[in-house]
Amino acid sequence: MDYVRTHAQKGFTLIEILIAFALVSVLGGIAYYSYTGIVDRNSRTATLATMRLIKDQLETYRDDVGEYPAELRDLIVKPADEKTAELWQGPYLEVKKGEIKDAWGKPFQYKPTPGAEHEYELISYGSKKGKTGPK
């Protein structure tokens, strides 16, 4: 006696659903990892470009005033010191909210270091992964 199926199978088995879910999860993870890598690389590139611009403007400030500024804000707003204010030719940078930030929205860290190997340090702590680089 032959068994004849009278109804076609409808729907998916639990195993088929779990396999499809696993594949979608793996592909989604790969896409997310790739996207965040691209965003991080772009942010790093933008931050390094901003650091080069700041470096150029720090040099211009030094040429005008004779020394590096005490803080980055001196590139935007005329310093309070009268002697420095007379020589100041700024603003050297145009910033909307008065603070120079990196691509991650964090303020750059600047510290003059006269007499050291480099005359100043300019640092971006970047994303959660660490420093973008000193100058």
Protein backbone atom coordinates (compact mmCIF):
# COMPACT_ATOMS: atom_id res chain seq x y z
CA MET A 1 0.00 0.00 0.00
CA ASP A 2 1.38 3.30 -1.08
CA TYR A 3 1.05 6.33 1.12
CA VAL A 4 -0.16 9.32 -0.86
CA ARG A 5 0.06 12.79 0.51
CA THR A 6 -3.17 14.64 0.05
CA HIS A 7 -2.04 18.03 1.40
CA ALA A 8 1.06 19.91 0.43
CA GLN A 9 3.34 20.97 3.32
CA LYS A 10 2.67 24.58 4.27
CA GLY A 11 5.04 26.91 6.16
CA PHE A 12 8.59 26.41 7.40
CA THR A 13 10.00 24.08 9.98
CA LEU A 14 11.59 25.44 13.15
CA ILE A 15 15.05 24.44 11.89
CA GLU A 16 14.58 26.38 8.65
CA ILE A 17 13.48 29.48 10.57
CA LEU A 18 16.47 29.23 12.94
CA ILE A 19 18.91 28.84 10.03
CA ALA A 20 17.42 31.86 8.24
CA PHE A 21 17.59 33.90 11.47
CA ALA A 22 21.24 32.91 12.00
CA LEU A 23 22.16 33.90 8.43
CA VAL A 24 20.43 37.27 8.73
CA SER A 25 22.16 37.87 12.08
CA VAL A 26 25.60 37.06 10.67
CA LEU A 27 25.06 39.27 7.62
CA GLY A 28 23.76 42.09 9.83
CA GLY A 29 26.81 41.80 12.10
CA ILE A 30 29.18 41.96 9.13
CA ALA A 31 27.35 44.99 7.73
CA TYR A 32 27.40 46.77 11.11
CA TYR A 33 31.11 46.08 11.63
CA SER A 34 31.92 47.34 8.14
CA TYR A 35 29.81 50.48 8.60
CA THR A 36 31.32 51.39 11.96
CA GLY A 37 34.81 50.83 10.55
CA ILE A 38 34.11 53.20 7.67
CA VAL A 39 32.62 55.84 10.00
CA ASP A 40 35.59 55.55 12.36
CA ARG A 41 38.10 55.89 9.50
CA ASN A 42 36.25 58.93 8.15
CA SER A 43 36.15 60.52 11.61
CA ARG A 44 39.86 59.88 12.06
CA THR A 45 40.64 61.41 8.65
CA ALA A 46 38.49 64.48 9.38
CA THR A 47 40.11 64.93 12.80
CA LEU A 48 43.62 64.69 11.36
CA ALA A 49 42.69 67.29 8.72
CA THR A 50 41.35 69.60 11.45
CA MET A 51 44.55 69.08 13.44
CA ARG A 52 46.60 70.11 10.39
CA LEU A 53 44.48 73.25 10.04
CA ILE A 54 44.93 74.06 13.73
CA LYS A 55 48.68 73.46 13.40
CA ASP A 56 48.86 75.91 10.48
CA GLN A 57 46.90 78.52 12.42
CA LEU A 58 49.07 78.03 15.51
CA GLU A 59 52.10 78.78 13.34
CA THR A 60 50.39 81.88 11.91
CA TYR A 61 49.53 83.04 15.44
CA ARG A 62 53.14 82.52 16.50
CA ASP A 63 54.38 84.50 13.49
CA ASP A 64 52.01 87.37 14.37
CA VAL A 65 52.38 87.43 18.15
CA GLY A 66 55.82 85.91 18.67
CA GLU A 67 54.75 82.94 20.75
CA TYR A 68 52.19 80.15 20.70
CA PRO A 69 48.83 80.90 22.33
CA ALA A 70 48.21 79.95 25.95
CA GLU A 71 45.04 78.12 24.90
CA LEU A 72 43.23 77.24 21.66
CA ARG A 73 40.54 79.80 22.43
CA ASP A 74 43.14 82.51 21.67
CA LEU A 75 42.87 81.49 18.01
CA ILE A 76 39.19 82.45 18.06
CA VAL A 77 38.91 85.33 20.53
CA LYS A 78 41.35 88.20 21.03
CA PRO A 79 43.46 87.54 24.13
CA ALA A 80 42.95 89.74 27.19
CA ASP A 81 46.65 90.61 27.45
CA GLU A 82 47.06 94.10 25.87
CA LYS A 83 50.47 93.43 24.30
CA THR A 84 49.28 90.20 22.70
CA ALA A 85 45.97 91.79 21.66
CA GLU A 86 47.81 94.53 19.73
CA LEU A 87 49.73 91.94 17.68
CA TRP A 88 46.77 89.57 17.26
CA GLN A 89 45.51 89.39 13.65
CA GLY A 90 42.67 86.91 14.23
CA PRO A 91 40.36 85.29 14.39
CA TYR A 92 42.57 82.49 13.09
CA LEU A 93 39.78 79.91 13.18
CA GLU A 94 36.04 80.27 12.83
CA VAL A 95 34.15 78.10 15.27
CA LYS A 96 30.40 78.23 15.81
CA LYS A 97 30.21 77.55 19.55
CA GLY A 98 33.57 78.81 20.75
CA GLU A 99 35.24 75.43 21.26
CA ILE A 100 37.32 73.55 18.72
CA LYS A 101 36.14 69.93 18.62
CA ASP A 102 37.20 66.78 16.80
CA ALA A 103 34.97 64.64 14.60
CA TRP A 104 33.66 62.77 17.65
CA GLY A 105 32.49 66.04 19.23
CA LYS A 106 35.20 66.11 21.90
CA PRO A 107 37.33 69.21 22.45
CA PHE A 108 40.96 69.08 21.34
CA GLN A 109 43.51 69.10 24.13
CA TYR A 110 46.19 71.75 23.68
CA LYS A 111 49.13 72.53 25.90
CA PRO A 112 52.08 74.80 25.12
CA THR A 113 55.37 73.14 26.06
CA PRO A 114 58.11 75.74 25.59
CA GLY A 115 61.62 74.33 25.77
CA ALA A 116 60.45 70.78 25.02
CA GLU A 117 61.15 68.85 21.81
CA HIS A 118 57.85 70.17 20.43
CA GLU A 119 56.62 73.64 21.32
CA TYR A 120 53.10 72.41 22.04
CA GLU A 121 50.93 69.30 22.25
CA LEU A 122 47.70 69.00 20.30
CA ILE A 123 45.73 65.88 21.12
CA SER A 124 42.42 64.36 20.16
CA TYR A 125 41.29 61.46 22.30
CA GLY A 126 39.06 60.39 19.43
CA SER A 127 36.59 57.62 19.84
CA LYS A 128 36.65 55.27 22.80
CA LYS A 129 39.67 53.53 21.26
CA GLY A 130 42.31 56.11 22.21
CA LYS A 131 44.36 59.03 20.94
CA THR A 132 44.31 60.25 17.37
CA GLY A 133 47.80 61.61 17.78
CA PRO A 134 49.95 64.29 19.33
CA LYS A 135 51.51 67.15 17.40
